[in-house]
mmCIF file of all heavy atoms, coordinates in Angstrom:
data_MODEL
# 
_entry.id   MODEL 
# 
loop_
_atom_site.group_PDB 
_atom_site.id 
_atom_site.type_symbol 
_atom_site.label_atom_id 
_atom_site.label_alt_id 
_atom_site.label_comp_id 
_atom_site.label_asym_id 
_atom_site.label_entity_id 
_atom_site.label_seq_id 
_atom_site.pdbx_PDB_ins_code 
_atom_site.Cartn_x 
_atom_site.Cartn_y 
_atom_site.Cartn_z 
_atom_site.occupancy 
_atom_site.B_iso_or_equiv 
_atom_site.pdbx_formal_charge 
_atom_site.auth_seq_id 
_atom_site.auth_comp_id 
_atom_site.auth_asym_id 
_atom_site.auth_atom_id 
_atom_site.pdbx_PDB_model_num 
ATOM 1   N N   . SER A 1 1  ? 130.429 -110.180 122.173 1.00 0.00 ? 1  SER A N   1 
ATOM 2   C CA  . SER A 1 1  ? 128.983 -109.696 122.322 1.00 0.00 ? 1  SER A CA  1 
ATOM 3   C C   . SER A 1 1  ? 128.881 -108.294 121.972 1.00 0.00 ? 1  SER A C   1 
ATOM 4   O O   . SER A 1 1  ? 129.807 -107.535 122.121 1.00 0.00 ? 1  SER A O   1 
ATOM 5   C CB  . SER A 1 1  ? 128.604 -109.946 123.702 1.00 0.00 ? 1  SER A CB  1 
ATOM 6   O OG  . SER A 1 1  ? 129.336 -109.300 124.701 1.00 0.00 ? 1  SER A OG  1 
ATOM 7   N N   . VAL A 1 2  ? 127.677 -107.923 121.541 1.00 0.00 ? 2  VAL A N   1 
ATOM 8   C CA  . VAL A 1 2  ? 127.409 -106.525 121.166 1.00 0.00 ? 2  VAL A CA  1 
ATOM 9   C C   . VAL A 1 2  ? 126.218 -106.042 121.887 1.00 0.00 ? 2  VAL A C   1 
ATOM 10  O O   . VAL A 1 2  ? 125.242 -106.675 122.133 1.00 0.00 ? 2  VAL A O   1 
ATOM 11  C CB  . VAL A 1 2  ? 127.114 -106.475 119.561 1.00 0.00 ? 2  VAL A CB  1 
ATOM 12  C CG1 . VAL A 1 2  ? 126.809 -105.064 119.155 1.00 0.00 ? 2  VAL A CG1 1 
ATOM 13  C CG2 . VAL A 1 2  ? 128.308 -107.026 118.874 1.00 0.00 ? 2  VAL A CG2 1 
ATOM 14  N N   . ILE A 1 3  ? 126.273 -104.686 122.404 1.00 0.00 ? 3  ILE A N   1 
ATOM 15  C CA  . ILE A 1 3  ? 125.173 -104.075 122.970 1.00 0.00 ? 3  ILE A CA  1 
ATOM 16  C C   . ILE A 1 3  ? 124.833 -102.840 122.210 1.00 0.00 ? 3  ILE A C   1 
ATOM 17  O O   . ILE A 1 3  ? 125.772 -101.921 121.915 1.00 0.00 ? 3  ILE A O   1 
ATOM 18  C CB  . ILE A 1 3  ? 125.479 -103.419 124.400 1.00 0.00 ? 3  ILE A CB  1 
ATOM 19  C CG1 . ILE A 1 3  ? 125.842 -104.757 125.295 1.00 0.00 ? 3  ILE A CG1 1 
ATOM 20  C CG2 . ILE A 1 3  ? 124.305 -102.784 124.925 1.00 0.00 ? 3  ILE A CG2 1 
ATOM 21  C CD1 . ILE A 1 3  ? 126.330 -104.337 126.666 1.00 0.00 ? 3  ILE A CD1 1 
ATOM 22  N N   . CYS A 1 4  ? 123.646 -102.814 121.572 1.00 0.00 ? 4  CYS A N   1 
ATOM 23  C CA  . CYS A 1 4  ? 123.284 -101.725 120.641 1.00 0.00 ? 4  CYS A CA  1 
ATOM 24  C C   . CYS A 1 4  ? 122.429 -100.687 121.528 1.00 0.00 ? 4  CYS A C   1 
ATOM 25  O O   . CYS A 1 4  ? 121.463 -101.004 122.004 1.00 0.00 ? 4  CYS A O   1 
ATOM 26  C CB  . CYS A 1 4  ? 122.505 -102.298 119.531 1.00 0.00 ? 4  CYS A CB  1 
ATOM 27  S SG  . CYS A 1 4  ? 122.002 -100.963 118.324 1.00 0.00 ? 4  CYS A SG  1 
ATOM 28  N N   . LEU A 1 5  ? 122.935 -99.480  121.550 1.00 0.00 ? 5  LEU A N   1 
ATOM 29  C CA  . LEU A 1 5  ? 122.449 -98.446  122.577 1.00 0.00 ? 5  LEU A CA  1 
ATOM 30  C C   . LEU A 1 5  ? 121.857 -97.341  121.753 1.00 0.00 ? 5  LEU A C   1 
ATOM 31  O O   . LEU A 1 5  ? 122.565 -96.812  120.889 1.00 0.00 ? 5  LEU A O   1 
ATOM 32  C CB  . LEU A 1 5  ? 123.438 -97.995  123.533 1.00 0.00 ? 5  LEU A CB  1 
ATOM 33  C CG  . LEU A 1 5  ? 122.959 -97.032  124.622 1.00 0.00 ? 5  LEU A CG  1 
ATOM 34  C CD1 . LEU A 1 5  ? 122.295 -97.843  125.720 1.00 0.00 ? 5  LEU A CD1 1 
ATOM 35  C CD2 . LEU A 1 5  ? 124.165 -96.369  125.332 1.00 0.00 ? 5  LEU A CD2 1 
ATOM 36  N N   . ASN A 1 6  ? 120.690 -96.925  122.145 1.00 0.00 ? 6  ASN A N   1 
ATOM 37  C CA  . ASN A 1 6  ? 120.141 -95.645  121.620 1.00 0.00 ? 6  ASN A CA  1 
ATOM 38  C C   . ASN A 1 6  ? 119.245 -95.041  122.813 1.00 0.00 ? 6  ASN A C   1 
ATOM 39  O O   . ASN A 1 6  ? 118.061 -94.908  122.781 1.00 0.00 ? 6  ASN A O   1 
ATOM 40  C CB  . ASN A 1 6  ? 119.311 -95.795  120.397 1.00 0.00 ? 6  ASN A CB  1 
ATOM 41  C CG  . ASN A 1 6  ? 118.983 -94.410  119.744 1.00 0.00 ? 6  ASN A CG  1 
ATOM 42  O OD1 . ASN A 1 6  ? 119.591 -93.444  120.051 1.00 0.00 ? 6  ASN A OD1 1 
ATOM 43  N ND2 . ASN A 1 6  ? 118.018 -94.374  118.844 1.00 0.00 ? 6  ASN A ND2 1 
ATOM 44  N N   . ARG A 1 7  ? 120.045 -94.605  123.885 1.00 0.00 ? 7  ARG A N   1 
ATOM 45  C CA  . ARG A 1 7  ? 119.481 -94.129  125.113 1.00 0.00 ? 7  ARG A CA  1 
ATOM 46  C C   . ARG A 1 7  ? 118.942 -95.405  125.930 1.00 0.00 ? 7  ARG A C   1 
ATOM 47  O O   . ARG A 1 7  ? 118.931 -95.317  127.160 1.00 0.00 ? 7  ARG A O   1 
ATOM 48  C CB  . ARG A 1 7  ? 118.367 -93.055  124.919 1.00 0.00 ? 7  ARG A CB  1 
ATOM 49  C CG  . ARG A 1 7  ? 118.952 -91.802  124.213 1.00 0.00 ? 7  ARG A CG  1 
ATOM 50  C CD  . ARG A 1 7  ? 117.990 -90.718  124.325 1.00 0.00 ? 7  ARG A CD  1 
ATOM 51  N NE  . ARG A 1 7  ? 118.469 -89.560  123.604 1.00 0.00 ? 7  ARG A NE  1 
ATOM 52  C CZ  . ARG A 1 7  ? 117.921 -88.363  123.396 1.00 0.00 ? 7  ARG A CZ  1 
ATOM 53  N NH1 . ARG A 1 7  ? 116.629 -88.200  124.058 1.00 0.00 ? 7  ARG A NH1 1 
ATOM 54  N NH2 . ARG A 1 7  ? 118.300 -87.419  122.719 1.00 0.00 ? 7  ARG A NH2 1 
ATOM 55  N N   . HIS A 1 8  ? 118.453 -96.317  125.323 1.00 0.00 ? 8  HIS A N   1 
ATOM 56  C CA  . HIS A 1 8  ? 118.007 -97.629  126.004 1.00 0.00 ? 8  HIS A CA  1 
ATOM 57  C C   . HIS A 1 8  ? 118.829 -98.686  125.193 1.00 0.00 ? 8  HIS A C   1 
ATOM 58  O O   . HIS A 1 8  ? 119.366 -98.436  124.116 1.00 0.00 ? 8  HIS A O   1 
ATOM 59  C CB  . HIS A 1 8  ? 116.565 -97.849  125.913 1.00 0.00 ? 8  HIS A CB  1 
ATOM 60  C CG  . HIS A 1 8  ? 116.039 -97.935  124.585 1.00 0.00 ? 8  HIS A CG  1 
ATOM 61  N ND1 . HIS A 1 8  ? 115.865 -96.925  123.681 1.00 0.00 ? 8  HIS A ND1 1 
ATOM 62  C CD2 . HIS A 1 8  ? 115.589 -99.125  123.886 1.00 0.00 ? 8  HIS A CD2 1 
ATOM 63  C CE1 . HIS A 1 8  ? 115.283 -97.343  122.660 1.00 0.00 ? 8  HIS A CE1 1 
ATOM 64  N NE2 . HIS A 1 8  ? 115.113 -98.718  122.623 1.00 0.00 ? 8  HIS A NE2 1 
ATOM 65  N N   . VAL A 1 9  ? 118.712 -100.026 125.716 1.00 0.00 ? 9  VAL A N   1 
ATOM 66  C CA  . VAL A 1 9  ? 119.309 -101.087 125.056 1.00 0.00 ? 9  VAL A CA  1 
ATOM 67  C C   . VAL A 1 9  ? 118.450 -101.580 123.927 1.00 0.00 ? 9  VAL A C   1 
ATOM 68  O O   . VAL A 1 9  ? 117.277 -102.028 124.252 1.00 0.00 ? 9  VAL A O   1 
ATOM 69  C CB  . VAL A 1 9  ? 119.862 -102.139 125.951 1.00 0.00 ? 9  VAL A CB  1 
ATOM 70  C CG1 . VAL A 1 9  ? 120.245 -103.437 125.224 1.00 0.00 ? 9  VAL A CG1 1 
ATOM 71  C CG2 . VAL A 1 9  ? 120.828 -101.672 127.018 1.00 0.00 ? 9  VAL A CG2 1 
ATOM 72  N N   . CYS A 1 10 ? 118.727 -101.297 122.590 1.00 0.00 ? 10 CYS A N   1 
ATOM 73  C CA  . CYS A 1 10 ? 117.874 -101.740 121.627 1.00 0.00 ? 10 CYS A CA  1 
ATOM 74  C C   . CYS A 1 10 ? 117.883 -103.155 121.364 1.00 0.00 ? 10 CYS A C   1 
ATOM 75  O O   . CYS A 1 10 ? 116.857 -103.877 121.129 1.00 0.00 ? 10 CYS A O   1 
ATOM 76  C CB  . CYS A 1 10 ? 118.254 -100.994 120.385 1.00 0.00 ? 10 CYS A CB  1 
ATOM 77  S SG  . CYS A 1 10 ? 118.276 -99.180  120.372 1.00 0.00 ? 10 CYS A SG  1 
ATOM 78  N N   . CYS A 1 11 ? 119.105 -103.745 121.396 1.00 0.00 ? 11 CYS A N   1 
ATOM 79  C CA  . CYS A 1 11 ? 119.334 -105.176 121.238 1.00 0.00 ? 11 CYS A CA  1 
ATOM 80  C C   . CYS A 1 11 ? 120.682 -105.601 121.744 1.00 0.00 ? 11 CYS A C   1 
ATOM 81  O O   . CYS A 1 11 ? 121.555 -104.723 121.951 1.00 0.00 ? 11 CYS A O   1 
ATOM 82  C CB  . CYS A 1 11 ? 119.146 -105.659 119.780 1.00 0.00 ? 11 CYS A CB  1 
ATOM 83  S SG  . CYS A 1 11 ? 120.105 -104.834 118.569 1.00 0.00 ? 11 CYS A SG  1 
ATOM 84  N N   . HIS A 1 12 ? 120.911 -106.802 122.116 1.00 0.00 ? 12 HIS A N   1 
ATOM 85  C CA  . HIS A 1 12 ? 122.176 -107.250 122.417 1.00 0.00 ? 12 HIS A CA  1 
ATOM 86  C C   . HIS A 1 12 ? 122.288 -108.710 122.191 1.00 0.00 ? 12 HIS A C   1 
ATOM 87  O O   . HIS A 1 12 ? 121.286 -109.436 121.962 1.00 0.00 ? 12 HIS A O   1 
ATOM 88  C CB  . HIS A 1 12 ? 122.437 -107.052 124.013 1.00 0.00 ? 12 HIS A CB  1 
ATOM 89  C CG  . HIS A 1 12 ? 121.551 -107.727 124.839 1.00 0.00 ? 12 HIS A CG  1 
ATOM 90  N ND1 . HIS A 1 12 ? 121.858 -108.976 125.403 1.00 0.00 ? 12 HIS A ND1 1 
ATOM 91  C CD2 . HIS A 1 12 ? 120.300 -107.431 125.254 1.00 0.00 ? 12 HIS A CD2 1 
ATOM 92  C CE1 . HIS A 1 12 ? 120.799 -109.449 126.160 1.00 0.00 ? 12 HIS A CE1 1 
ATOM 93  N NE2 . HIS A 1 12 ? 119.865 -108.454 126.130 1.00 0.00 ? 12 HIS A NE2 1 
ATOM 94  N N   . GLY A 1 13 ? 123.654 -109.250 122.101 1.00 0.00 ? 13 GLY A N   1 
ATOM 95  C CA  . GLY A 1 13 ? 123.832 -110.571 121.861 1.00 0.00 ? 13 GLY A CA  1 
ATOM 96  C C   . GLY A 1 13 ? 125.219 -110.713 121.038 1.00 0.00 ? 13 GLY A C   1 
ATOM 97  O O   . GLY A 1 13 ? 125.979 -109.754 121.057 1.00 0.00 ? 13 GLY A O   1 
ATOM 98  N N   . ASN A 1 14 ? 125.391 -111.947 120.403 1.00 0.00 ? 14 ASN A N   1 
ATOM 99  C CA  . ASN A 1 14 ? 126.561 -112.135 119.639 1.00 0.00 ? 14 ASN A CA  1 
ATOM 100 C C   . ASN A 1 14 ? 126.389 -111.325 118.226 1.00 0.00 ? 14 ASN A C   1 
ATOM 101 O O   . ASN A 1 14 ? 125.267 -110.818 117.908 1.00 0.00 ? 14 ASN A O   1 
ATOM 102 C CB  . ASN A 1 14 ? 126.845 -113.550 119.364 1.00 0.00 ? 14 ASN A CB  1 
ATOM 103 C CG  . ASN A 1 14 ? 125.666 -114.245 118.533 1.00 0.00 ? 14 ASN A CG  1 
ATOM 104 O OD1 . ASN A 1 14 ? 125.223 -113.762 117.567 1.00 0.00 ? 14 ASN A OD1 1 
ATOM 105 N ND2 . ASN A 1 14 ? 125.301 -115.408 118.964 1.00 0.00 ? 14 ASN A ND2 1 
ATOM 106 N N   . PRO A 1 15 ? 127.545 -111.085 117.531 1.00 0.00 ? 15 PRO A N   1 
ATOM 107 C CA  . PRO A 1 15 ? 127.417 -110.182 116.406 1.00 0.00 ? 15 PRO A CA  1 
ATOM 108 C C   . PRO A 1 15 ? 126.401 -110.672 115.413 1.00 0.00 ? 15 PRO A C   1 
ATOM 109 O O   . PRO A 1 15 ? 125.771 -109.869 114.746 1.00 0.00 ? 15 PRO A O   1 
ATOM 110 C CB  . PRO A 1 15 ? 128.880 -110.254 115.827 1.00 0.00 ? 15 PRO A CB  1 
ATOM 111 C CG  . PRO A 1 15 ? 129.659 -110.502 117.058 1.00 0.00 ? 15 PRO A CG  1 
ATOM 112 C CD  . PRO A 1 15 ? 128.815 -111.480 117.874 1.00 0.00 ? 15 PRO A CD  1 
ATOM 113 N N   . GLU A 1 16 ? 126.372 -112.031 115.176 1.00 0.00 ? 16 GLU A N   1 
ATOM 114 C CA  . GLU A 1 16 ? 125.496 -112.596 114.063 1.00 0.00 ? 16 GLU A CA  1 
ATOM 115 C C   . GLU A 1 16 ? 124.106 -112.211 114.466 1.00 0.00 ? 16 GLU A C   1 
ATOM 116 O O   . GLU A 1 16 ? 123.228 -111.845 113.614 1.00 0.00 ? 16 GLU A O   1 
ATOM 117 C CB  . GLU A 1 16 ? 125.666 -114.068 114.054 1.00 0.00 ? 16 GLU A CB  1 
ATOM 118 C CG  . GLU A 1 16 ? 127.052 -114.419 113.318 1.00 0.00 ? 16 GLU A CG  1 
ATOM 119 C CD  . GLU A 1 16 ? 128.143 -114.513 114.382 1.00 0.00 ? 16 GLU A CD  1 
ATOM 120 O OE1 . GLU A 1 16 ? 127.815 -114.100 115.520 1.00 0.00 ? 16 GLU A OE1 1 
ATOM 121 O OE2 . GLU A 1 16 ? 129.155 -114.854 114.052 1.00 0.00 ? 16 GLU A OE2 1 
ATOM 122 N N   . HIS A 1 17 ? 123.764 -112.360 115.755 1.00 0.00 ? 17 HIS A N   1 
ATOM 123 C CA  . HIS A 1 17 ? 122.324 -112.119 116.197 1.00 0.00 ? 17 HIS A CA  1 
ATOM 124 C C   . HIS A 1 17 ? 121.933 -110.576 116.056 1.00 0.00 ? 17 HIS A C   1 
ATOM 125 O O   . HIS A 1 17 ? 120.852 -110.242 115.532 1.00 0.00 ? 17 HIS A O   1 
ATOM 126 C CB  . HIS A 1 17 ? 122.074 -112.491 117.627 1.00 0.00 ? 17 HIS A CB  1 
ATOM 127 C CG  . HIS A 1 17 ? 120.790 -112.074 118.328 1.00 0.00 ? 17 HIS A CG  1 
ATOM 128 N ND1 . HIS A 1 17 ? 119.618 -112.648 118.025 1.00 0.00 ? 17 HIS A ND1 1 
ATOM 129 C CD2 . HIS A 1 17 ? 120.585 -111.093 119.107 1.00 0.00 ? 17 HIS A CD2 1 
ATOM 130 C CE1 . HIS A 1 17 ? 118.617 -111.998 118.646 1.00 0.00 ? 17 HIS A CE1 1 
ATOM 131 N NE2 . HIS A 1 17 ? 119.185 -111.066 119.367 1.00 0.00 ? 17 HIS A NE2 1 
ATOM 132 N N   . VAL A 1 18 ? 122.893 -109.816 116.606 1.00 0.00 ? 18 VAL A N   1 
ATOM 133 C CA  . VAL A 1 18 ? 122.560 -108.312 116.587 1.00 0.00 ? 18 VAL A CA  1 
ATOM 134 C C   . VAL A 1 18 ? 122.438 -107.713 115.125 1.00 0.00 ? 18 VAL A C   1 
ATOM 135 O O   . VAL A 1 18 ? 121.662 -106.893 114.790 1.00 0.00 ? 18 VAL A O   1 
ATOM 136 C CB  . VAL A 1 18 ? 123.698 -107.550 117.371 1.00 0.00 ? 18 VAL A CB  1 
ATOM 137 C CG1 . VAL A 1 18 ? 123.546 -105.950 117.209 1.00 0.00 ? 18 VAL A CG1 1 
ATOM 138 C CG2 . VAL A 1 18 ? 123.535 -107.869 118.791 1.00 0.00 ? 18 VAL A CG2 1 
ATOM 139 N N   . SER A 1 19 ? 123.374 -108.252 114.244 1.00 0.00 ? 19 SER A N   1 
ATOM 140 C CA  . SER A 1 19 ? 123.401 -107.800 112.895 1.00 0.00 ? 19 SER A CA  1 
ATOM 141 C C   . SER A 1 19 ? 122.066 -107.965 112.092 1.00 0.00 ? 19 SER A C   1 
ATOM 142 O O   . SER A 1 19 ? 121.856 -107.345 110.999 1.00 0.00 ? 19 SER A O   1 
ATOM 143 C CB  . SER A 1 19 ? 124.588 -108.293 112.056 1.00 0.00 ? 19 SER A CB  1 
ATOM 144 O OG  . SER A 1 19 ? 124.469 -109.650 111.905 1.00 0.00 ? 19 SER A OG  1 
ATOM 145 N N   . THR A 1 20 ? 121.191 -108.833 112.486 1.00 0.00 ? 20 THR A N   1 
ATOM 146 C CA  . THR A 1 20 ? 119.942 -109.183 111.905 1.00 0.00 ? 20 THR A CA  1 
ATOM 147 C C   . THR A 1 20 ? 118.777 -108.708 112.718 1.00 0.00 ? 20 THR A C   1 
ATOM 148 O O   . THR A 1 20 ? 117.717 -108.987 112.319 1.00 0.00 ? 20 THR A O   1 
ATOM 149 C CB  . THR A 1 20 ? 119.759 -110.724 111.509 1.00 0.00 ? 20 THR A CB  1 
ATOM 150 O OG1 . THR A 1 20 ? 119.989 -111.350 112.747 1.00 0.00 ? 20 THR A OG1 1 
ATOM 151 C CG2 . THR A 1 20 ? 120.954 -111.173 110.614 1.00 0.00 ? 20 THR A CG2 1 
ATOM 152 N N   . ASP A 1 21 ? 119.084 -108.116 113.864 1.00 0.00 ? 21 ASP A N   1 
ATOM 153 C CA  . ASP A 1 21 ? 117.880 -107.670 114.764 1.00 0.00 ? 21 ASP A CA  1 
ATOM 154 C C   . ASP A 1 21 ? 117.249 -106.451 114.145 1.00 0.00 ? 21 ASP A C   1 
ATOM 155 O O   . ASP A 1 21 ? 117.926 -105.464 113.715 1.00 0.00 ? 21 ASP A O   1 
ATOM 156 C CB  . ASP A 1 21 ? 118.569 -107.290 116.212 1.00 0.00 ? 21 ASP A CB  1 
ATOM 157 C CG  . ASP A 1 21 ? 117.382 -107.035 117.080 1.00 0.00 ? 21 ASP A CG  1 
ATOM 158 O OD1 . ASP A 1 21 ? 116.758 -105.979 117.053 1.00 0.00 ? 21 ASP A OD1 1 
ATOM 159 O OD2 . ASP A 1 21 ? 117.170 -107.986 117.957 1.00 0.00 ? 21 ASP A OD2 1 
ATOM 160 N N   . PRO A 1 22 ? 115.966 -106.457 114.030 1.00 0.00 ? 22 PRO A N   1 
ATOM 161 C CA  . PRO A 1 22 ? 115.180 -105.290 113.462 1.00 0.00 ? 22 PRO A CA  1 
ATOM 162 C C   . PRO A 1 22 ? 115.592 -103.978 114.096 1.00 0.00 ? 22 PRO A C   1 
ATOM 163 O O   . PRO A 1 22 ? 115.622 -102.899 113.303 1.00 0.00 ? 22 PRO A O   1 
ATOM 164 C CB  . PRO A 1 22 ? 113.767 -105.619 113.755 1.00 0.00 ? 22 PRO A CB  1 
ATOM 165 C CG  . PRO A 1 22 ? 113.701 -107.107 113.914 1.00 0.00 ? 22 PRO A CG  1 
ATOM 166 C CD  . PRO A 1 22 ? 115.003 -107.545 114.462 1.00 0.00 ? 22 PRO A CD  1 
ATOM 167 N N   . ALA A 1 23 ? 115.973 -103.852 115.392 1.00 0.00 ? 23 ALA A N   1 
ATOM 168 C CA  . ALA A 1 23 ? 116.200 -102.550 116.033 1.00 0.00 ? 23 ALA A CA  1 
ATOM 169 C C   . ALA A 1 23 ? 117.567 -102.148 115.530 1.00 0.00 ? 23 ALA A C   1 
ATOM 170 O O   . ALA A 1 23 ? 117.839 -100.930 115.242 1.00 0.00 ? 23 ALA A O   1 
ATOM 171 C CB  . ALA A 1 23 ? 116.301 -102.816 117.507 1.00 0.00 ? 23 ALA A CB  1 
ATOM 172 N N   . TYR A 1 24 ? 118.562 -103.027 115.278 1.00 0.00 ? 24 TYR A N   1 
ATOM 173 C CA  . TYR A 1 24 ? 119.869 -102.783 114.826 1.00 0.00 ? 24 TYR A CA  1 
ATOM 174 C C   . TYR A 1 24 ? 119.666 -102.210 113.274 1.00 0.00 ? 24 TYR A C   1 
ATOM 175 O O   . TYR A 1 24 ? 120.205 -101.215 112.910 1.00 0.00 ? 24 TYR A O   1 
ATOM 176 C CB  . TYR A 1 24 ? 120.727 -103.916 114.717 1.00 0.00 ? 24 TYR A CB  1 
ATOM 177 C CG  . TYR A 1 24 ? 122.035 -103.828 114.038 1.00 0.00 ? 24 TYR A CG  1 
ATOM 178 C CD1 . TYR A 1 24 ? 123.202 -103.200 114.516 1.00 0.00 ? 24 TYR A CD1 1 
ATOM 179 C CD2 . TYR A 1 24 ? 122.125 -104.310 112.694 1.00 0.00 ? 24 TYR A CD2 1 
ATOM 180 C CE1 . TYR A 1 24 ? 124.377 -103.184 113.782 1.00 0.00 ? 24 TYR A CE1 1 
ATOM 181 C CE2 . TYR A 1 24 ? 123.298 -104.155 111.946 1.00 0.00 ? 24 TYR A CE2 1 
ATOM 182 C CZ  . TYR A 1 24 ? 124.385 -103.581 112.546 1.00 0.00 ? 24 TYR A CZ  1 
ATOM 183 O OH  . TYR A 1 24 ? 125.471 -103.422 111.784 1.00 0.00 ? 24 TYR A OH  1 
# 
């Protein structure tokens, strides 16, 4: 699982989900 952080949690989930998330 991946947590994408930029002072707050922008997005999180499995790699496939996060890699296509607009915030990522």
